[in-house]
Protein backbone atom coordinates (compact mmCIF):
# COMPACT_ATOMS: atom_id res chain seq x y z
CA UNK A 1 158.96 132.83 -37.85
CA UNK A 2 155.67 134.41 -36.89
CA UNK A 3 155.85 137.85 -35.34
CA UNK A 4 152.92 139.60 -33.70
CA UNK A 5 152.91 143.14 -32.31
CA UNK A 6 149.71 144.08 -30.45
CA UNK A 7 149.63 147.76 -29.43
CA UNK A 8 147.34 148.02 -26.43
CA UNK A 9 145.76 151.20 -25.16
CA UNK A 10 143.46 149.85 -22.47
CA UNK A 11 143.75 146.37 -21.10
CA UNK A 12 144.66 146.49 -17.44
CA UNK A 13 144.13 149.29 -14.99
CA UNK A 14 147.71 150.34 -14.33
CA UNK A 15 148.76 151.14 -10.84
CA UNK A 16 150.76 154.30 -10.39
CA UNK A 17 154.06 154.52 -8.53
CA UNK A 18 153.90 153.63 -4.84
CA UNK A 19 153.63 156.66 -2.55
CA UNK A 20 154.93 156.74 1.02
CA UNK A 21 152.31 157.28 3.70
CA UNK A 22 153.24 159.05 6.95
CA UNK A 23 150.90 159.01 9.93
CA UNK A 24 151.60 161.61 12.64
CA UNK A 25 150.09 160.32 15.84
CA UNK A 26 150.77 163.51 17.79
CA UNK A 27 148.18 165.62 15.94
CA UNK A 28 145.08 163.39 15.96
CA UNK A 29 143.74 164.46 19.34
CA UNK A 30 143.68 162.68 22.69
CA UNK A 31 141.84 159.40 23.24
CA UNK A 32 142.09 155.89 24.62
CA UNK A 33 141.10 152.93 22.43
CA UNK A 34 141.67 149.21 22.06
CA UNK A 35 142.39 149.60 18.33
CA UNK A 36 143.40 152.73 16.44
CA UNK A 37 142.68 152.56 12.70
CA UNK A 38 144.41 155.08 10.44
CA UNK A 39 145.13 155.09 6.67
CA UNK A 40 146.08 151.50 6.00
CA UNK A 41 147.26 150.48 9.47
CA UNK A 42 145.63 149.28 12.70
CA UNK A 43 147.41 149.91 16.01
CA UNK A 44 146.78 147.59 18.96
CA UNK A 45 148.77 146.64 22.04
CA UNK A 46 149.13 144.56 25.15
CA UNK A 47 146.59 146.97 26.67
CA UNK A 48 144.58 149.94 25.39
CA UNK A 49 146.29 152.48 23.16
CA UNK A 50 146.67 155.93 24.70
CA UNK A 51 146.69 158.67 22.02
CA UNK A 52 148.22 161.88 23.34
CA UNK A 53 147.91 165.16 21.49
CA UNK A 54 151.34 166.72 20.84
CA UNK A 55 153.05 163.57 22.12
CA UNK A 56 152.08 160.34 20.30
CA UNK A 57 151.20 156.79 21.31
CA UNK A 58 151.61 154.98 24.62
CA UNK A 59 150.13 151.93 26.32
CA UNK A 60 147.73 152.26 29.26
CA UNK A 61 149.23 150.71 32.39
CA UNK A 62 152.78 150.07 33.49
CA UNK A 63 154.75 152.89 35.01
CA UNK A 64 152.96 155.48 32.89
CA UNK A 65 149.99 155.61 30.51
CA UNK A 66 151.85 157.99 28.20
CA UNK A 67 154.64 155.61 27.14
CA UNK A 68 155.36 152.02 26.19
CA UNK A 69 157.46 150.61 29.04
CA UNK A 70 158.84 147.50 30.75
CA UNK A 71 157.34 144.55 28.83
CA UNK A 72 154.48 146.44 27.21
CA UNK A 73 153.92 145.83 23.48
CA UNK A 74 152.48 147.96 20.70
CA UNK A 75 151.51 146.37 17.35
CA UNK A 76 151.01 147.76 13.84
CA UNK A 77 149.04 145.69 11.32
CA UNK A 78 148.88 146.81 7.68
CA UNK A 79 145.96 146.33 5.31
CA UNK A 80 148.38 145.25 2.54
CA UNK A 81 152.06 144.25 2.35
CA UNK A 82 154.13 147.18 3.57
CA UNK A 83 157.59 148.27 2.44
CA UNK A 84 160.05 150.96 3.60
CA UNK A 85 158.60 150.89 7.11
CA UNK A 86 160.13 153.41 9.51
CA UNK A 87 158.96 155.12 12.66
CA UNK A 88 159.83 158.12 14.82
CA UNK A 89 159.93 158.44 18.63
CA UNK A 90 159.00 161.53 20.59
CA UNK A 91 160.88 160.20 23.60
CA UNK A 92 162.83 157.13 24.64
CA UNK A 93 165.15 156.12 27.47
CA UNK A 94 165.65 154.29 30.73
CA UNK A 95 163.89 155.03 33.98
CA UNK A 96 166.04 157.49 35.87
CA UNK A 97 167.73 158.73 32.69
CA UNK A 98 165.55 160.30 29.97
CA UNK A 99 166.90 160.05 26.44
CA UNK A 100 166.70 162.78 23.82
CA UNK A 101 165.36 162.20 20.28
CA UNK A 102 168.18 161.31 17.85
CA UNK A 103 170.61 160.88 20.76
CA UNK A 104 172.19 157.45 20.18
CA UNK A 105 172.70 156.99 23.94
CA UNK A 106 170.17 155.69 26.42
CA UNK A 107 167.33 155.28 23.90
CA UNK A 108 164.77 152.83 25.23
CA UNK A 109 165.83 149.30 24.38
CA UNK A 110 163.16 147.29 22.63
CA UNK A 111 162.63 144.19 20.56
CA UNK A 112 160.89 144.25 17.19
CA UNK A 113 159.16 141.18 15.76
CA UNK A 114 157.91 141.37 12.18
CA UNK A 115 155.52 139.11 10.32
CA UNK A 116 155.08 138.43 6.63
CA UNK A 117 151.78 139.33 4.89
CA UNK A 118 150.79 135.69 5.49
CA UNK A 119 151.42 135.96 9.23
CA UNK A 120 154.72 134.06 9.30
CA UNK A 121 157.23 135.43 11.80
CA UNK A 122 160.29 137.01 10.18
CA UNK A 123 162.16 136.96 13.46
CA UNK A 124 162.71 139.11 16.55
CA UNK A 125 165.53 141.67 16.61
CA UNK A 126 166.71 143.91 19.44
CA UNK A 127 166.96 147.62 18.70
CA UNK A 128 168.43 150.23 20.99
CA UNK A 129 170.30 152.70 18.83
CA UNK A 130 169.10 155.66 16.75
CA UNK A 131 167.89 153.43 13.90
CA UNK A 132 164.17 153.92 13.31
CA UNK A 133 163.82 151.51 10.40
CA UNK A 134 161.85 148.29 10.58
CA UNK A 135 162.20 147.13 6.98
CA UNK A 136 166.00 147.29 6.98
CA UNK A 137 166.12 144.99 10.00
CA UNK A 138 164.37 142.27 7.99
CA UNK A 139 166.08 142.63 4.64
CA UNK A 140 163.49 144.91 3.02
CA UNK A 141 160.95 142.11 2.51
CA UNK A 142 157.20 142.95 2.57
CA UNK A 143 155.81 143.19 6.08
CA UNK A 144 152.27 142.39 7.12
CA UNK A 145 152.63 143.52 10.73
CA UNK A 146 155.21 144.19 13.41
CA UNK A 147 155.31 144.66 17.18
CA UNK A 148 157.59 146.64 19.49
CA UNK A 149 158.17 145.51 23.07
CA UNK A 150 159.98 147.62 25.67
CA UNK A 151 162.61 145.79 27.70
CA UNK A 152 162.70 145.96 31.50
CA UNK A 153 163.18 149.54 32.78
CA UNK A 154 163.09 150.88 29.20
CA UNK A 155 160.46 153.14 27.65
CA UNK A 156 159.57 154.92 24.41
CA UNK A 157 156.67 156.78 22.79
CA UNK A 158 155.68 156.48 19.09
CA UNK A 159 155.55 159.82 17.32
CA UNK A 160 154.87 158.78 13.68
CA UNK A 161 154.93 155.86 11.24
CA UNK A 162 155.97 155.93 7.58
CA UNK A 163 155.40 153.09 5.08
CA UNK A 164 154.58 152.21 1.48
CA UNK A 165 151.69 149.83 0.90
CA UNK A 166 152.07 147.29 -1.87
CA UNK A 167 149.23 145.50 -3.67
CA UNK A 168 146.82 143.48 -1.58
CA UNK A 169 146.34 139.75 -2.17
CA UNK A 170 143.13 140.40 -4.10
CA UNK A 171 144.94 142.92 -6.31
CA UNK A 172 147.80 140.47 -6.90
CA UNK A 173 145.31 137.77 -7.85
CA UNK A 174 143.30 140.04 -10.15
CA UNK A 175 146.37 141.29 -12.00
CA UNK A 176 147.65 137.77 -12.44
CA UNK A 177 144.29 136.58 -13.78
CA UNK A 178 143.78 139.50 -16.16
CA UNK A 179 147.32 139.51 -17.53
CA UNK A 180 147.59 135.76 -18.03
CA UNK A 181 144.12 135.76 -19.65
CA UNK A 182 145.35 138.24 -22.26
CA UNK A 183 148.40 136.10 -22.97
CA UNK A 184 146.45 132.83 -22.92
CA UNK A 185 143.76 134.06 -25.30
CA UNK A 186 146.39 135.41 -27.66
CA UNK A 187 148.21 132.05 -27.67
CA UNK A 188 144.97 130.08 -28.14
CA UNK A 189 143.70 132.15 -31.06
CA UNK A 190 147.12 132.26 -32.69
CA UNK A 191 147.50 128.48 -32.38
CA UNK A 192 144.00 128.00 -33.79
CA UNK A 193 144.82 130.14 -36.83
CA UNK A 194 148.02 128.20 -37.44
CA UNK A 195 146.38 124.76 -37.22
CA UNK A 196 143.39 125.86 -39.31
CA UNK A 197 145.62 127.12 -42.09
CA UNK A 198 147.83 124.05 -41.95
CA UNK A 199 144.82 121.76 -42.24
CA UNK A 200 143.65 123.73 -45.27
CA UNK A 201 147.11 123.56 -46.79
CA UNK A 202 147.23 119.82 -46.20
CA UNK A 203 143.94 119.32 -48.06
CA UNK A 204 144.93 121.45 -51.01
CA UNK A 205 148.35 119.82 -51.19
CA UNK A 206 146.77 116.37 -51.19
CA UNK A 207 144.45 117.59 -53.94
CA UNK A 208 147.52 118.59 -56.02
CA UNK A 209 146.99 122.35 -55.47
CA UNK A 210 149.12 124.98 -53.84
CA UNK A 211 146.14 126.79 -52.33
CA UNK A 212 142.39 126.57 -51.96
CA UNK A 213 141.26 125.06 -55.24
CA UNK A 214 137.63 123.92 -54.85
CA UNK A 215 135.38 126.74 -56.03
CA UNK A 216 131.69 127.09 -56.84
CA UNK A 217 130.86 128.38 -60.32
CA UNK A 218 128.69 131.48 -60.04
CA UNK A 219 126.32 130.41 -62.83
CA UNK A 220 125.72 126.74 -61.92
CA UNK A 221 126.93 126.39 -58.34
CA UNK A 222 128.83 123.24 -59.31
CA UNK A 223 132.17 122.58 -57.66
CA UNK A 224 135.22 122.82 -59.90
CA UNK A 225 139.00 122.85 -59.60
CA UNK A 226 140.05 126.33 -60.60
CA UNK A 227 143.83 125.77 -60.78
CA UNK A 228 146.56 123.17 -60.37
CA UNK A 229 150.29 123.64 -60.22
CA UNK A 230 151.84 120.44 -58.87
CA UNK A 231 151.07 116.77 -58.59
CA UNK A 232 151.46 114.59 -55.51
CA UNK A 233 149.10 111.72 -56.21
CA UNK A 234 150.44 109.57 -53.39
CA UNK A 235 149.91 112.35 -50.86
CA UNK A 236 146.55 110.95 -49.78
CA UNK A 237 148.35 108.27 -47.79
CA UNK A 238 151.25 110.41 -46.57
CA UNK A 239 151.81 112.51 -43.45
CA UNK A 240 151.70 116.28 -43.83
CA UNK A 241 154.04 117.85 -41.25
CA UNK A 242 154.60 121.51 -40.50
CA UNK A 243 156.63 123.75 -38.22
CA UNK A 244 155.91 127.35 -37.11
CA UNK A 245 158.17 129.62 -35.08
CA UNK A 246 155.99 132.17 -33.35
CA UNK A 247 156.42 135.37 -31.41
CA UNK A 248 154.53 138.51 -30.50
CA UNK A 249 155.02 141.78 -28.68
CA UNK A 250 152.51 144.36 -27.55
CA UNK A 251 153.17 147.79 -26.12
CA UNK A 252 151.20 150.65 -24.66
CA UNK A 253 153.46 153.67 -24.29
CA UNK A 254 150.75 155.60 -22.47
CA UNK A 255 150.71 153.22 -19.49
CA UNK A 256 154.15 151.59 -19.82
CA UNK A 257 152.62 148.15 -20.41
CA UNK A 258 154.01 145.46 -22.69
CA UNK A 259 153.37 141.81 -23.57
CA UNK A 260 155.76 139.47 -25.37
CA UNK A 261 155.79 135.85 -26.43
CA UNK A 262 158.25 133.53 -28.14
CA UNK A 263 157.68 129.93 -29.05
CA UNK A 264 157.30 127.08 -31.47
CA UNK A 265 154.35 125.07 -32.78
CA UNK A 266 154.62 121.79 -34.67
CA UNK A 267 151.94 119.55 -36.12
CA UNK A 268 151.16 116.65 -38.39
CA UNK A 269 148.01 115.24 -39.98
CA UNK A 270 146.80 112.33 -42.05
CA UNK A 271 143.85 111.90 -44.39
CA UNK A 272 140.91 109.89 -43.03
CA UNK A 273 138.93 110.38 -46.26
CA UNK A 274 139.55 112.13 -49.60
CA UNK A 275 138.04 115.32 -48.15
CA UNK A 276 139.09 115.24 -44.47
CA UNK A 277 142.31 115.32 -42.47
CA UNK A 278 142.86 115.00 -38.74
CA UNK A 279 146.00 116.07 -36.96
CA UNK A 280 147.68 116.97 -33.73
CA UNK A 281 149.63 120.10 -32.88
CA UNK A 282 151.96 120.76 -29.95
CA UNK A 283 153.37 124.09 -28.90
CA UNK A 284 155.13 126.05 -26.20
CA UNK A 285 155.31 129.80 -25.63
CA UNK A 286 157.58 131.78 -23.32
CA UNK A 287 155.54 134.75 -22.17
CA UNK A 288 156.20 138.06 -20.42
CA UNK A 289 153.94 140.91 -19.35
CA UNK A 290 154.54 144.20 -17.58
CA UNK A 291 152.40 147.19 -16.70
CA UNK A 292 154.83 149.16 -14.58
CA UNK A 293 153.55 147.99 -11.20
CA UNK A 294 153.34 144.27 -12.00
CA UNK A 295 155.27 141.94 -14.25
CA UNK A 296 154.75 138.31 -15.18
CA UNK A 297 157.00 135.82 -16.89
CA UNK A 298 156.51 132.15 -17.56
CA UNK A 299 155.58 129.62 -20.19
CA UNK A 300 152.48 128.00 -21.62
CA UNK A 301 152.49 124.53 -23.17
CA UNK A 302 149.52 123.43 -25.23
CA UNK A 303 148.13 120.42 -27.07
CA UNK A 304 145.77 120.96 -30.00
CA UNK A 305 143.91 118.28 -31.97
CA UNK A 306 142.55 119.68 -35.23
CA UNK A 307 140.33 118.65 -38.12
CA UNK A 308 139.94 120.13 -41.61
CA UNK A 309 137.40 119.12 -44.24
CA UNK A 310 135.95 120.14 -47.58
CA UNK A 311 132.74 119.29 -49.41
CA UNK A 312 132.79 120.77 -52.88
CA UNK A 313 133.03 124.52 -52.51
CA UNK A 314 132.50 124.28 -48.75
CA UNK A 315 135.38 123.90 -46.32
CA UNK A 316 135.84 124.10 -42.58
CA UNK A 317 138.05 123.36 -39.61
CA UNK A 318 137.76 122.67 -35.89
CA UNK A 319 140.41 122.90 -33.18
CA UNK A 320 140.49 122.10 -29.48
CA UNK A 321 143.26 123.74 -27.44
CA UNK A 322 144.30 122.63 -23.97
CA UNK A 323 147.22 124.33 -22.26
CA UNK A 324 148.92 124.66 -18.91
CA UNK A 325 151.07 127.57 -17.82
CA UNK A 326 153.44 128.45 -15.00
CA UNK A 327 154.17 132.09 -14.19
CA UNK A 328 156.16 134.20 -11.76
CA UNK A 329 154.59 137.55 -10.90
CA UNK A 330 156.67 140.38 -9.49
CA UNK A 331 155.29 143.48 -7.80
CA UNK A 332 156.36 145.95 -5.15
CA UNK A 333 155.25 143.35 -2.59
CA UNK A 334 157.69 140.74 -3.88
CA UNK A 335 157.31 137.69 -6.11
CA UNK A 336 154.70 135.00 -6.35
CA UNK A 337 154.14 131.93 -8.47
CA UNK A 338 150.89 130.89 -10.11
CA UNK A 339 149.50 128.32 -12.50
CA UNK A 340 147.01 128.60 -15.35
CA UNK A 341 144.88 126.17 -17.31
CA UNK A 342 143.63 127.13 -20.77
CA UNK A 343 140.82 125.50 -22.75
CA UNK A 344 139.49 126.76 -26.09
CA UNK A 345 137.30 125.39 -28.89
CA UNK A 346 137.08 126.98 -32.35
CA UNK A 347 135.13 126.30 -35.56
CA UNK A 348 135.66 127.85 -38.98
CA UNK A 349 133.52 127.60 -42.12
CA UNK A 350 134.23 128.94 -45.62
CA UNK A 351 132.78 128.85 -49.14
CA UNK A 352 134.86 129.29 -52.30
CA UNK A 353 133.41 131.26 -55.19
CA UNK A 354 135.39 131.10 -58.46
CA UNK A 355 135.37 134.57 -59.99
CA UNK A 356 137.49 133.42 -62.93
CA UNK A 357 140.14 130.80 -63.69
CA UNK A 358 142.71 132.42 -61.42
CA UNK A 359 140.74 134.26 -58.71
CA UNK A 360 138.62 132.96 -55.82
CA UNK A 361 136.49 134.83 -53.28
CA UNK A 362 136.07 132.99 -49.96
CA UNK A 363 133.56 134.27 -47.36
CA UNK A 364 134.45 132.96 -43.86
CA UNK A 365 132.86 132.58 -40.43
CA UNK A 366 134.78 131.70 -37.28
CA UNK A 367 133.44 130.98 -33.79
CA UNK A 368 135.68 130.49 -30.74
CA UNK A 369 135.06 130.10 -27.03
CA UNK A 370 137.44 129.41 -24.20
CA UNK A 371 138.39 130.05 -20.63
CA UNK A 372 141.53 130.36 -18.57
CA UNK A 373 141.67 129.43 -14.90
CA UNK A 374 144.39 130.90 -12.70
CA UNK A 375 145.47 129.85 -9.24
CA UNK A 376 148.14 131.15 -6.85
CA UNK A 377 150.82 128.72 -5.70
CA UNK A 378 153.41 130.52 -3.57
CA UNK A 379 154.87 133.85 -2.53
CA UNK A 380 152.64 136.88 -2.94
CA UNK A 381 150.06 134.68 -4.70
CA UNK A 382 149.78 132.19 -1.84
CA UNK A 383 146.14 131.90 -0.86
CA UNK A 384 144.96 133.79 -3.95
CA UNK A 385 141.43 132.86 -4.95
CA UNK A 386 141.18 130.80 -8.13
CA UNK A 387 139.92 133.00 -10.96
CA UNK A 388 138.36 132.08 -14.31
CA UNK A 389 138.24 134.40 -17.32
CA UNK A 390 135.95 133.39 -20.20
CA UNK A 391 136.17 134.69 -23.75
CA UNK A 392 134.08 134.37 -26.91
CA UNK A 393 135.21 135.56 -30.32
CA UNK A 394 133.22 135.76 -33.58
CA UNK A 395 134.81 136.65 -36.92
CA UNK A 396 133.08 137.25 -40.26
CA UNK A 397 134.75 138.33 -43.46
CA UNK A 398 136.13 137.26 -46.82
CA UNK A 399 139.43 136.46 -48.45
CA UNK A 400 140.34 137.06 -52.10
CA UNK A 401 142.87 134.59 -53.53
CA UNK A 402 144.70 134.79 -56.85
CA UNK A 403 146.84 132.00 -58.28
CA UNK A 404 150.35 132.88 -59.31
CA UNK A 405 153.03 130.80 -60.94
CA UNK A 406 153.83 128.15 -58.33
CA UNK A 407 151.67 129.65 -55.62
CA UNK A 408 148.87 131.91 -54.47
CA UNK A 409 148.56 135.49 -53.20
CA UNK A 410 145.64 136.49 -51.01
CA UNK A 411 144.10 139.45 -49.19
CA UNK A 412 141.29 139.44 -46.66
CA UNK A 413 138.98 141.76 -44.74
CA UNK A 414 137.24 140.66 -41.53
CA UNK A 415 135.18 141.96 -38.60
CA UNK A 416 135.92 140.47 -35.17
CA UNK A 417 133.76 140.57 -32.06
CA UNK A 418 135.23 139.80 -28.62
CA UNK A 419 133.42 139.27 -25.35
CA UNK A 420 135.15 138.50 -22.03
CA UNK A 421 133.88 137.98 -18.50
CA UNK A 422 134.90 137.01 -14.99
CA UNK A 423 133.08 136.44 -11.72
CA UNK A 424 135.42 138.86 -9.92
CA UNK A 425 134.85 142.61 -10.19
CA UNK A 426 138.56 143.48 -10.06
CA UNK A 427 139.28 141.15 -12.97
CA UNK A 428 136.20 142.16 -14.97
CA UNK A 429 137.13 145.83 -14.67
CA UNK A 430 140.44 145.04 -16.39
CA UNK A 431 138.82 143.26 -19.36
CA UNK A 432 138.05 146.31 -21.49
CA UNK A 433 138.67 145.20 -25.08
CA UNK A 434 135.21 143.81 -25.78
CA UNK A 435 133.29 144.74 -28.91
CA UNK A 436 133.73 144.87 -32.68
CA UNK A 437 137.03 145.58 -34.42
CA UNK A 438 138.35 145.26 -37.97
CA UNK A 439 141.10 143.07 -39.39
CA UNK A 440 142.94 142.97 -42.73
CA UNK A 441 145.39 140.38 -44.02
CA UNK A 442 147.67 139.72 -46.99
CA UNK A 443 149.86 136.73 -47.79
CA UNK A 444 151.65 134.50 -50.26
CA UNK A 445 151.98 130.70 -50.50
CA UNK A 446 154.52 128.93 -52.67
CA UNK A 447 156.40 125.67 -53.14
CA UNK A 448 160.16 125.99 -52.64
CA UNK A 449 160.84 122.49 -53.93
CA UNK A 450 159.02 119.17 -54.01
CA UNK A 451 157.80 118.24 -50.51
CA UNK A 452 158.66 121.68 -49.04
CA UNK A 453 156.22 124.63 -48.94
CA UNK A 454 156.64 128.17 -47.66
CA UNK A 455 153.98 130.67 -46.50
CA UNK A 456 154.41 134.34 -45.60
CA UNK A 457 151.63 136.61 -44.32
CA UNK A 458 150.88 139.93 -42.67
CA UNK A 459 147.80 140.80 -40.63
CA UNK A 460 146.57 143.94 -38.88
CA UNK A 461 143.69 143.54 -36.42
CA UNK A 462 141.92 145.48 -33.69
CA UNK A 463 141.15 148.32 -36.08
CA UNK A 464 138.71 150.75 -34.50
CA UNK A 465 139.25 149.35 -31.01
CA UNK A 466 141.57 149.90 -28.06
CA UNK A 467 143.78 146.93 -28.92
CA UNK A 468 145.55 147.10 -32.28
CA UNK A 469 147.63 144.18 -33.44
CA UNK A 470 150.00 143.58 -36.31
CA UNK A 471 151.24 140.07 -37.06
CA UNK A 472 153.41 138.42 -39.64
CA UNK A 473 154.04 134.76 -40.30
CA UNK A 474 156.65 132.46 -41.84
CA UNK A 475 155.80 128.77 -42.11
CA UNK A 476 157.52 125.66 -43.42
CA UNK A 477 155.57 122.51 -44.31
CA UNK A 478 157.02 119.08 -45.11
CA UNK A 479 155.60 115.94 -46.68
CA UNK A 480 157.04 112.49 -46.10
């Protein structure tokens, strides 16, 4: 099983806990307006809004300009999905019998109609008791707007409004794009590493070696086989099959963010020439992300053709990853569903230098580029703008390999450069892990028995950057 533990310190801009906003309409002066805009809410009505100092809000017309009465309507529209919506009245009652605040009797009867953030009516409910809650009437779901209409011969005046604003649609979309891009890139690069190593292992196995065996002699530059520990002469016409169980977890204690993944990757390849194999890999990852204010969970399935080759001391690999993901995002505004599409292309080149009969130095260069497109489907992500996050990664370094009895041990040192971009400012602001970082690796390859190989490895990356990652791997390979 492959375990990866990235420890992130700056990846997404974390939203803090939601804070209730209370607007007191009785202390904002006296005025008459068609639309009153205050701190995340716009107030309109069936006629102009009358703002009364020391009193609150009424509607111009009807029996009195200082109240909402007999069929008049006042509306509150929020700039983002609102939760925990309540209000207070400075007066309410029936004509001929004035009610007293908090008196459950004779409070002005009214109907309340609420709408979802997408403008869909949540229903109309009558309210005439001391309850001042709007959210509880509609099951606590996010509210985009609501209206209050006084029944015949009833009246009331709005004193204050209290609410908690959730993320806007653009914020929901940006968080979904940034978070799924982190997960998608991690899956793509991890899958590329797995397929690249399996292609290399397939070539060396077919060449009757446990590990990389073609090496250039320092004095002549000629290619030579530096070691050999098993013989599978018929392997050139056989199928090399492998299976990897994968998983990763990342945490950032400072911002309460975490990312996890669990999955499986399988592949098989055949030789198309003595020095080249082509194969196909399939994989699926269950993924989760959380940053305190948002959480995502879903899965990503991917298909990955790969190629590995060697030419004397030179070797290389190429992979193409195509994946599709489905996620559910949860925030204080509710839940939404979205889809992602991942595409990535990677190339790796290496050159083996035989230092002696048992030790090989292999300089490497890896280039990768990809993008992930996200799109909202339903819920809080309905209508979300499609976003695309692009990434480019360059790795340079070297690996030192030493043959052991029945296997090989290796250690490597690499420098990785990452660049990411998006056309949306909110998403781009969350992509903060660009730049150079360091990476070290150690591992061991061995043959458990004929036709069954085992690899174990440990890697630490992101050294010197905001995103540190530790990964381990356990791989089984079969020949048949």
